[in-house]
Amino acid sequence: MTPASLTILLALALLLPTAKATSIAVERHVPPLAYNDGDILTSNINIAILWYGNVTTVQKNKILAFLKSINAKSAPQLNVNSWWRVVESDQTFARKIPSPMPVKVMAQKEDPSYSQGKVLIMALIPGLTGGNNNLLAFIVASDSVT
């Protein structure tokens, strides 16, 4: 073994216990969010999903599970609810008492045949939401779509 490889091996041996110790969850201070005078979510979030192109069942299930985890009160595994509570707390910037903002999937459409082509434009969105401005259009496209 050369002196250089011995030095690298020794450095790795010294770093491994440190890496293992730092992988333990540590509570960190999160700095407060700054308000930039933009629009703020203050009510329920209703989503219309368009599965555009070849979106697999596995992909759909993962996205739906993510959206469902936003509303989770408690879950046996990691979820995004704690992050969503930070988003809900932003309501104070709109001088509103923070309250739950549930996320609901109100509609789903599938378009596996690329009816609008493989280049999507903004004009597609009103067709997805039916012109309902209270729905958030959520387009999940296969990787062959731009």
C-alpha atoms as a PDB file:
ATOM      1  CA  MET A   1       0.000   0.000   0.000  1.00  0.00           C
ATOM      2  CA  THR A   2       1.391   3.391  -0.996  1.00  0.00           C
ATOM      3  CA  PRO A   3       1.596   6.268   1.496  1.00  0.00           C
ATOM      4  CA  ALA A   4      -0.979   8.209  -0.563  1.00  0.00           C
ATOM      5  CA  SER A   5      -3.548   5.367  -0.508  1.00  0.00           C
ATOM      6  CA  LEU A   6      -2.907   4.858   3.218  1.00  0.00           C
ATOM      7  CA  THR A   7      -3.618   8.566   3.809  1.00  0.00           C
ATOM      8  CA  ILE A   8      -6.873   8.329   1.824  1.00  0.00           C
ATOM      9  CA  LEU A   9      -7.885   5.189   3.731  1.00  0.00           C
ATOM     10  CA  LEU A  10      -7.111   6.871   7.059  1.00  0.00           C
ATOM     11  CA  ALA A  11      -9.093   9.991   6.058  1.00  0.00           C
ATOM     12  CA  LEU A  12     -12.081   7.825   5.105  1.00  0.00           C
ATOM     13  CA  ALA A  13     -11.857   5.939   8.389  1.00  0.00           C
ATOM     14  CA  LEU A  14     -11.910   9.227  10.271  1.00  0.00           C
ATOM     15  CA  LEU A  15     -14.846  10.595   8.257  1.00  0.00           C
ATOM     16  CA  LEU A  16     -17.107   7.542   8.456  1.00  0.00           C
ATOM     17  CA  PRO A  17     -17.996   7.897  12.143  1.00  0.00           C
ATOM     18  CA  THR A  18     -18.680  11.606  11.557  1.00  0.00           C
ATOM     19  CA  ALA A  19     -20.900  10.889   8.566  1.00  0.00           C
ATOM     20  CA  LYS A  20     -22.789   8.286  10.542  1.00  0.00           C
ATOM     21  CA  ALA A  21     -23.279  10.645  13.480  1.00  0.00           C
ATOM     22  CA  THR A  22     -24.502  13.500  11.285  1.00  0.00           C
ATOM     23  CA  SER A  23     -27.124  11.307   9.635  1.00  0.00           C
ATOM     24  CA  ILE A  24     -29.136  11.388  12.876  1.00  0.00           C
ATOM     25  CA  ALA A  25     -32.120  13.734  12.584  1.00  0.00           C
ATOM     26  CA  VAL A  26     -31.315  17.106  14.112  1.00  0.00           C
ATOM     27  CA  GLU A  27     -33.916  19.779  14.656  1.00  0.00           C
ATOM     28  CA  ARG A  28     -32.858  22.888  12.763  1.00  0.00           C
ATOM     29  CA  HIS A  29     -34.005  26.457  13.106  1.00  0.00           C
ATOM     30  CA  VAL A  30     -35.920  27.497   9.986  1.00  0.00           C
ATOM     31  CA  PRO A  31     -35.704  31.207   9.246  1.00  0.00           C
ATOM     32  CA  PRO A  32     -39.044  33.000   8.820  1.00  0.00           C
ATOM     33  CA  LEU A  33     -40.361  33.448   5.314  1.00  0.00           C
ATOM     34  CA  ALA A  34     -40.311  36.905   3.782  1.00  0.00           C
ATOM     35  CA  TYR A  35     -43.469  38.233   2.123  1.00  0.00           C
ATOM     36  CA  ASN A  36     -42.916  39.695  -1.354  1.00  0.00           C
ATOM     37  CA  ASP A  37     -46.379  41.295  -1.765  1.00  0.00           C
ATOM     38  CA  GLY A  38     -47.524  38.546  -4.134  1.00  0.00           C
ATOM     39  CA  ASP A  39     -50.721  36.509  -4.137  1.00  0.00           C
ATOM     40  CA  ILE A  40     -51.220  34.138  -1.206  1.00  0.00           C
ATOM     41  CA  LEU A  41     -53.196  30.922  -1.052  1.00  0.00           C
ATOM     42  CA  THR A  42     -56.018  31.359   1.440  1.00  0.00           C
ATOM     43  CA  SER A  43     -58.564  28.628   0.732  1.00  0.00           C
ATOM     44  CA  ASN A  44     -59.049  25.084  -0.516  1.00  0.00           C
ATOM     45  CA  ILE A  45     -56.875  24.023  -3.452  1.00  0.00           C
ATOM     46  CA  ASN A  46     -58.937  22.169  -6.055  1.00  0.00           C
ATOM     47  CA  ILE A  47     -56.897  20.398  -8.709  1.00  0.00           C
ATOM     48  CA  ALA A  48     -57.746  19.093 -12.158  1.00  0.00           C
ATOM     49  CA  ILE A  49     -55.139  16.611 -13.410  1.00  0.00           C
ATOM     50  CA  LEU A  50     -54.449  15.849 -17.055  1.00  0.00           C
ATOM     51  CA  TRP A  51     -52.424  12.666 -17.561  1.00  0.00           C
ATOM     52  CA  TYR A  52     -50.993  13.520 -20.980  1.00  0.00           C
ATOM     53  CA  GLY A  53     -49.297  10.865 -23.080  1.00  0.00           C
ATOM     54  CA  ASN A  54     -47.950   7.607 -21.761  1.00  0.00           C
ATOM     55  CA  VAL A  55     -48.123   8.146 -17.994  1.00  0.00           C
ATOM     56  CA  THR A  56     -47.891   4.812 -16.200  1.00  0.00           C
ATOM     57  CA  THR A  57     -50.094   3.638 -13.341  1.00  0.00           C
ATOM     58  CA  VAL A  58     -47.065   3.626 -11.038  1.00  0.00           C
ATOM     59  CA  GLN A  59     -46.335   7.279 -11.881  1.00  0.00           C
ATOM     60  CA  LYS A  60     -49.980   8.236 -11.356  1.00  0.00           C
ATOM     61  CA  ASN A  61     -50.111   6.456  -7.991  1.00  0.00           C
ATOM     62  CA  LYS A  62     -46.953   8.211  -6.773  1.00  0.00           C
ATOM     63  CA  ILE A  63     -48.266  11.647  -7.705  1.00  0.00           C
ATOM     64  CA  LEU A  64     -51.684  10.958  -6.177  1.00  0.00           C
ATOM     65  CA  ALA A  65     -50.013   9.661  -2.989  1.00  0.00           C
ATOM     66  CA  PHE A  66     -47.951  12.861  -2.797  1.00  0.00           C
ATOM     67  CA  LEU A  67     -51.065  15.022  -3.162  1.00  0.00           C
ATOM     68  CA  LYS A  68     -52.910  12.921  -0.585  1.00  0.00           C
ATOM     69  CA  SER A  69     -50.017  13.240   1.883  1.00  0.00           C
ATOM     70  CA  ILE A  70     -50.418  17.032   1.892  1.00  0.00           C
ATOM     71  CA  ASN A  71     -53.654  16.596   3.842  1.00  0.00           C
ATOM     72  CA  ALA A  72     -52.368  13.793   6.092  1.00  0.00           C
ATOM     73  CA  LYS A  73     -52.758  14.501   9.798  1.00  0.00           C
ATOM     74  CA  SER A  74     -50.310  11.764  10.681  1.00  0.00           C
ATOM     75  CA  ALA A  75     -48.664   9.077   8.655  1.00  0.00           C
ATOM     76  CA  PRO A  76     -46.420   6.111   9.413  1.00  0.00           C
ATOM     77  CA  GLN A  77     -43.911   7.339   6.840  1.00  0.00           C
ATOM     78  CA  LEU A  78     -42.588  10.705   5.729  1.00  0.00           C
ATOM     79  CA  ASN A  79     -45.095  13.047   4.144  1.00  0.00           C
ATOM     80  CA  VAL A  80     -45.246  16.662   3.040  1.00  0.00           C
ATOM     81  CA  ASN A  81     -47.819  17.769   5.610  1.00  0.00           C
ATOM     82  CA  SER A  82     -45.269  19.568   7.802  1.00  0.00           C
ATOM     83  CA  TRP A  83     -44.103  21.568   4.781  1.00  0.00           C
ATOM     84  CA  TRP A  84     -47.722  22.326   3.827  1.00  0.00           C
ATOM     85  CA  ARG A  85     -48.350  23.722   7.324  1.00  0.00           C
ATOM     86  CA  VAL A  86     -45.642  26.326   6.547  1.00  0.00           C
ATOM     87  CA  VAL A  87     -47.514  27.221   3.343  1.00  0.00           C
ATOM     88  CA  GLU A  88     -50.746  27.530   5.355  1.00  0.00           C
ATOM     89  CA  SER A  89     -49.018  29.834   7.835  1.00  0.00           C
ATOM     90  CA  ASP A  90     -48.350  32.304   5.000  1.00  0.00           C
ATOM     91  CA  GLN A  91     -52.003  33.329   5.284  1.00  0.00           C
ATOM     92  CA  THR A  92     -50.939  35.721   8.055  1.00  0.00           C
ATOM     93  CA  PHE A  93     -49.335  37.880   5.338  1.00  0.00           C
ATOM     94  CA  ALA A  94     -52.850  38.349   3.904  1.00  0.00           C
ATOM     95  CA  ARG A  95     -54.032  39.370   7.393  1.00  0.00           C
ATOM     96  CA  LYS A  96     -55.962  36.140   7.728  1.00  0.00           C
ATOM     97  CA  ILE A  97     -55.858  33.682  10.600  1.00  0.00           C
ATOM     98  CA  PRO A  98     -54.097  30.560   9.302  1.00  0.00           C
ATOM     99  CA  SER A  99     -56.526  27.738   8.662  1.00  0.00           C
ATOM    100  CA  PRO A 100     -56.280  24.407   6.869  1.00  0.00           C
ATOM    101  CA  MET A 101     -56.163  24.551   3.072  1.00  0.00           C
ATOM    102  CA  PRO A 102     -57.020  21.045   1.938  1.00  0.00           C
ATOM    103  CA  VAL A 103     -55.810  19.927  -1.467  1.00  0.00           C
ATOM    104  CA  LYS A 104     -58.404  17.955  -3.426  1.00  0.00           C
ATOM    105  CA  VAL A 105     -58.219  16.293  -6.807  1.00  0.00           C
ATOM    106  CA  MET A 106     -61.569  17.305  -8.310  1.00  0.00           C
ATOM    107  CA  ALA A 107     -61.105  15.949 -11.828  1.00  0.00           C
ATOM    108  CA  GLN A 108     -58.781  13.697 -13.801  1.00  0.00           C
ATOM    109  CA  LYS A 109     -58.553  13.255 -17.552  1.00  0.00           C
ATOM    110  CA  GLU A 110     -56.369  10.934 -19.569  1.00  0.00           C
ATOM    111  CA  ASP A 111     -55.054  11.736 -23.018  1.00  0.00           C
ATOM    112  CA  PRO A 112     -52.729   8.871 -23.968  1.00  0.00           C
ATOM    113  CA  SER A 113     -52.959   9.683 -27.690  1.00  0.00           C
ATOM    114  CA  TYR A 114     -51.408  13.198 -27.488  1.00  0.00           C
ATOM    115  CA  SER A 115     -54.532  14.859 -28.944  1.00  0.00           C
ATOM    116  CA  GLN A 116     -52.883  18.295 -28.777  1.00  0.00           C
ATOM    117  CA  GLY A 117     -49.554  17.100 -30.177  1.00  0.00           C
ATOM    118  CA  LYS A 118     -46.298  16.694 -28.317  1.00  0.00           C
ATOM    119  CA  VAL A 119     -45.778  20.401 -27.694  1.00  0.00           C
ATOM    120  CA  LEU A 120     -48.212  21.773 -25.113  1.00  0.00           C
ATOM    121  CA  ILE A 121     -49.201  25.416 -24.912  1.00  0.00           C
ATOM    122  CA  MET A 122     -51.130  27.492 -22.356  1.00  0.00           C
ATOM    123  CA  ALA A 123     -54.294  27.407 -24.490  1.00  0.00           C
ATOM    124  CA  LEU A 124     -54.793  23.775 -23.403  1.00  0.00           C
ATOM    125  CA  ILE A 125     -55.469  24.704 -19.764  1.00  0.00           C
ATOM    126  CA  PRO A 126     -59.015  26.157 -20.083  1.00  0.00           C
ATOM    127  CA  GLY A 127     -60.114  22.903 -21.722  1.00  0.00           C
ATOM    128  CA  LEU A 128     -58.759  20.970 -18.767  1.00  0.00           C
ATOM    129  CA  THR A 129     -60.484  23.095 -16.130  1.00  0.00           C
ATOM    130  CA  GLY A 130     -63.661  23.695 -18.154  1.00  0.00           C
ATOM    131  CA  GLY A 131     -63.005  27.420 -17.782  1.00  0.00           C
ATOM    132  CA  ASN A 132     -63.379  27.098 -13.995  1.00  0.00           C
ATOM    133  CA  ASN A 133     -60.917  29.568 -12.484  1.00  0.00           C
ATOM    134  CA  ASN A 134     -61.256  27.813  -9.120  1.00  0.00           C
ATOM    135  CA  LEU A 135     -59.407  24.734 -10.386  1.00  0.00           C
ATOM    136  CA  LEU A 136     -55.643  24.484 -10.528  1.00  0.00           C
ATOM    137  CA  ALA A 137     -54.574  22.741 -13.726  1.00  0.00           C
ATOM    138  CA  PHE A 138     -51.981  20.072 -13.006  1.00  0.00           C
ATOM    139  CA  ILE A 139     -50.589  18.567 -16.221  1.00  0.00           C
ATOM    140  CA  VAL A 140     -48.496  15.426 -15.941  1.00  0.00           C
ATOM    141  CA  ALA A 141     -46.935  14.673 -19.309  1.00  0.00           C
ATOM    142  CA  SER A 142     -44.813  11.800 -20.511  1.00  0.00           C
ATOM    143  CA  ASP A 143     -41.143  12.557 -21.139  1.00  0.00           C
ATOM    144  CA  SER A 144     -41.702  12.864 -24.907  1.00  0.00           C
ATOM    145  CA  VAL A 145     -43.799  16.027 -24.432  1.00  0.00           C
ATOM    146  CA  THR A 146     -42.490  19.583 -24.271  1.00  0.00           C
END
